[in-house]
Amino acid sequence: MYSSMDPKQDSDTGYVVAWRHMRKFEAGKLDGEMTYGEARKKAEELSAKQPDKTYWAEKHITAGQAAD
């Protein structure tokens, strides 16, 4: 079972980059799964380029995984 309290390793798989606009009611996720390290790095790069949005690495949970 996945818990948000689990320590994350850069090599952990199944992550996506999620985002939220700071002033508008917009949010989403970028396509493509990657490792936690890759998603974290991409989120940092995007945050530097687009300061009006917040980006972070998020565990990608599919509908089938949520039912388990």
N, C-alpha and C. Protein backbone atom coordinates (compact mmCIF):
# COMPACT_ATOMS: atom_id res chain seq x y z
N MET A 1 0.83 -1.18 0.00
CA MET A 1 0.00 0.00 0.00
C MET A 1 0.87 1.24 0.00
N TYR A 2 0.52 2.24 -0.80
CA TYR A 2 1.27 3.48 -0.89
C TYR A 2 0.82 4.45 0.19
N SER A 3 1.76 5.07 0.82
CA SER A 3 1.46 6.09 1.82
C SER A 3 2.26 7.35 1.50
N SER A 4 1.67 8.51 1.65
CA SER A 4 2.39 9.75 1.39
C SER A 4 3.53 9.95 2.38
N MET A 5 3.58 9.16 3.43
CA MET A 5 4.65 9.26 4.42
C MET A 5 5.86 8.41 4.04
N ASP A 6 5.75 7.61 2.98
CA ASP A 6 6.88 6.80 2.54
C ASP A 6 8.00 7.69 2.03
N PRO A 7 9.26 7.40 2.42
CA PRO A 7 10.36 8.20 1.87
C PRO A 7 10.50 7.91 0.36
N LYS A 8 10.68 8.96 -0.41
CA LYS A 8 10.78 8.80 -1.86
C LYS A 8 12.25 8.69 -2.26
N GLN A 9 12.52 7.79 -3.19
CA GLN A 9 13.85 7.63 -3.77
C GLN A 9 13.80 8.13 -5.20
N ASP A 10 14.87 8.72 -5.69
CA ASP A 10 14.91 9.22 -7.07
C ASP A 10 14.62 8.14 -8.09
N SER A 11 14.88 6.89 -7.77
CA SER A 11 14.68 5.78 -8.71
C SER A 11 13.26 5.20 -8.67
N ASP A 12 12.41 5.68 -7.74
CA ASP A 12 11.02 5.19 -7.67
C ASP A 12 10.28 5.53 -8.96
N THR A 13 9.53 4.57 -9.49
CA THR A 13 8.83 4.76 -10.76
C THR A 13 7.36 5.11 -10.53
N GLY A 14 6.70 5.54 -11.62
CA GLY A 14 5.27 5.79 -11.58
C GLY A 14 4.87 7.20 -11.20
N TYR A 15 5.71 8.19 -11.48
CA TYR A 15 5.41 9.58 -11.12
C TYR A 15 5.12 10.41 -12.36
N VAL A 16 4.32 11.46 -12.17
CA VAL A 16 4.02 12.44 -13.20
C VAL A 16 4.28 13.82 -12.60
N VAL A 17 4.32 14.83 -13.47
CA VAL A 17 4.45 16.21 -13.01
C VAL A 17 3.05 16.81 -12.99
N ALA A 18 2.62 17.28 -11.82
CA ALA A 18 1.33 17.93 -11.67
C ALA A 18 1.57 19.43 -11.53
N TRP A 19 0.54 20.22 -11.82
CA TRP A 19 0.69 21.67 -11.73
C TRP A 19 -0.61 22.34 -11.34
N ARG A 20 -0.48 23.57 -10.85
CA ARG A 20 -1.62 24.39 -10.50
C ARG A 20 -1.24 25.84 -10.77
N HIS A 21 -2.16 26.57 -11.39
CA HIS A 21 -1.94 28.00 -11.63
C HIS A 21 -2.15 28.73 -10.31
N MET A 22 -1.30 29.71 -10.03
CA MET A 22 -1.37 30.40 -8.74
C MET A 22 -2.55 31.36 -8.61
N ARG A 23 -3.04 31.91 -9.73
CA ARG A 23 -4.12 32.90 -9.65
C ARG A 23 -5.41 32.46 -10.32
N LYS A 24 -5.33 31.53 -11.23
CA LYS A 24 -6.52 31.06 -11.93
C LYS A 24 -6.93 29.69 -11.38
N PHE A 25 -8.15 29.31 -11.62
CA PHE A 25 -8.62 28.00 -11.17
C PHE A 25 -8.30 26.97 -12.25
N GLU A 26 -7.01 26.73 -12.45
CA GLU A 26 -6.54 25.76 -13.43
C GLU A 26 -5.55 24.83 -12.77
N ALA A 27 -5.61 23.56 -13.15
CA ALA A 27 -4.68 22.57 -12.64
C ALA A 27 -4.63 21.42 -13.64
N GLY A 28 -3.60 20.60 -13.56
CA GLY A 28 -3.50 19.47 -14.45
C GLY A 28 -2.27 18.64 -14.18
N LYS A 29 -2.05 17.70 -15.06
CA LYS A 29 -0.89 16.81 -14.97
C LYS A 29 -0.31 16.68 -16.37
N LEU A 30 1.01 16.63 -16.47
CA LEU A 30 1.67 16.42 -17.74
C LEU A 30 1.62 14.94 -18.10
N ASP A 31 1.53 14.63 -19.38
CA ASP A 31 1.50 13.24 -19.83
C ASP A 31 2.88 12.61 -19.65
N GLY A 32 2.89 11.32 -19.41
CA GLY A 32 4.13 10.56 -19.35
C GLY A 32 4.59 10.27 -17.94
N GLU A 33 4.71 8.99 -17.64
CA GLU A 33 5.24 8.59 -16.34
C GLU A 33 6.75 8.62 -16.37
N MET A 34 7.34 8.87 -15.21
CA MET A 34 8.80 8.90 -15.08
C MET A 34 9.17 8.55 -13.65
N THR A 35 10.45 8.52 -13.37
CA THR A 35 10.88 8.25 -12.00
C THR A 35 10.65 9.50 -11.15
N TYR A 36 10.70 9.32 -9.84
CA TYR A 36 10.52 10.45 -8.94
C TYR A 36 11.59 11.51 -9.19
N GLY A 37 12.83 11.08 -9.38
CA GLY A 37 13.93 12.02 -9.62
C GLY A 37 13.72 12.82 -10.90
N GLU A 38 13.29 12.15 -11.97
CA GLU A 38 13.03 12.84 -13.24
C GLU A 38 11.88 13.83 -13.10
N ALA A 39 10.80 13.41 -12.44
CA ALA A 39 9.63 14.27 -12.26
C ALA A 39 9.97 15.48 -11.38
N ARG A 40 10.73 15.26 -10.34
CA ARG A 40 11.13 16.36 -9.45
C ARG A 40 11.98 17.38 -10.21
N LYS A 41 12.94 16.89 -11.00
CA LYS A 41 13.81 17.78 -11.77
C LYS A 41 13.00 18.57 -12.81
N LYS A 42 12.08 17.89 -13.51
CA LYS A 42 11.26 18.56 -14.52
C LYS A 42 10.37 19.61 -13.85
N ALA A 43 9.82 19.30 -12.68
CA ALA A 43 8.99 20.26 -11.96
C ALA A 43 9.80 21.50 -11.57
N GLU A 44 11.03 21.31 -11.15
CA GLU A 44 11.89 22.45 -10.79
C GLU A 44 12.18 23.31 -12.02
N GLU A 45 12.46 22.67 -13.16
CA GLU A 45 12.74 23.40 -14.40
C GLU A 45 11.52 24.21 -14.85
N LEU A 46 10.35 23.58 -14.83
CA LEU A 46 9.13 24.27 -15.25
C LEU A 46 8.77 25.41 -14.30
N SER A 47 8.99 25.24 -13.02
CA SER A 47 8.71 26.30 -12.04
C SER A 47 9.58 27.52 -12.30
N ALA A 48 10.84 27.29 -12.69
CA ALA A 48 11.74 28.40 -12.97
C ALA A 48 11.32 29.15 -14.24
N LYS A 49 10.79 28.41 -15.23
CA LYS A 49 10.39 29.01 -16.51
C LYS A 49 9.01 29.67 -16.43
N GLN A 50 8.13 29.15 -15.60
CA GLN A 50 6.75 29.64 -15.51
C GLN A 50 6.39 29.91 -14.04
N PRO A 51 6.82 31.06 -13.52
CA PRO A 51 6.60 31.34 -12.09
C PRO A 51 5.13 31.54 -11.69
N ASP A 52 4.23 31.64 -12.66
CA ASP A 52 2.81 31.79 -12.34
C ASP A 52 2.13 30.45 -12.06
N LYS A 53 2.88 29.35 -12.16
CA LYS A 53 2.34 28.02 -11.87
C LYS A 53 3.23 27.32 -10.84
N THR A 54 2.63 26.43 -10.09
CA THR A 54 3.36 25.60 -9.15
C THR A 54 3.41 24.19 -9.72
N TYR A 55 4.58 23.58 -9.75
CA TYR A 55 4.76 22.22 -10.27
C TYR A 55 5.32 21.33 -9.17
N TRP A 56 4.95 20.04 -9.21
CA TRP A 56 5.49 19.08 -8.25
C TRP A 56 5.41 17.67 -8.83
N ALA A 57 6.21 16.77 -8.27
CA ALA A 57 6.18 15.35 -8.65
C ALA A 57 5.07 14.68 -7.85
N GLU A 58 4.24 13.91 -8.54
CA GLU A 58 3.09 13.27 -7.90
C GLU A 58 3.01 11.82 -8.34
N LYS A 59 2.72 10.94 -7.40
CA LYS A 59 2.55 9.52 -7.72
C LYS A 59 1.33 9.36 -8.61
N HIS A 60 1.49 8.68 -9.74
CA HIS A 60 0.39 8.48 -10.67
C HIS A 60 -0.39 7.24 -10.24
N ILE A 61 -1.64 7.43 -9.88
CA ILE A 61 -2.51 6.33 -9.43
C ILE A 61 -3.59 6.14 -10.48
N THR A 62 -3.69 4.95 -11.00
CA THR A 62 -4.73 4.65 -11.99
C THR A 62 -6.00 4.20 -11.27
N ALA A 63 -7.09 4.14 -12.00
CA ALA A 63 -8.37 3.73 -11.40
C ALA A 63 -8.27 2.33 -10.80
N GLY A 64 -7.55 1.43 -11.46
CA GLY A 64 -7.39 0.07 -10.95
C GLY A 64 -6.61 0.02 -9.65
N GLN A 65 -5.59 0.88 -9.53
CA GLN A 65 -4.79 0.92 -8.30
C GLN A 65 -5.57 1.51 -7.15
N ALA A 66 -6.43 2.48 -7.42
CA ALA A 66 -7.21 3.12 -6.37
C ALA A 66 -8.19 2.14 -5.72
N ALA A 67 -8.65 1.16 -6.47
CA ALA A 67 -9.63 0.18 -5.95
C ALA A 67 -8.96 -0.88 -5.07
N ASP A 68 -7.64 -1.04 -5.18
CA ASP A 68 -6.94 -2.06 -4.40
C ASP A 68 -6.87 -1.73 -2.93
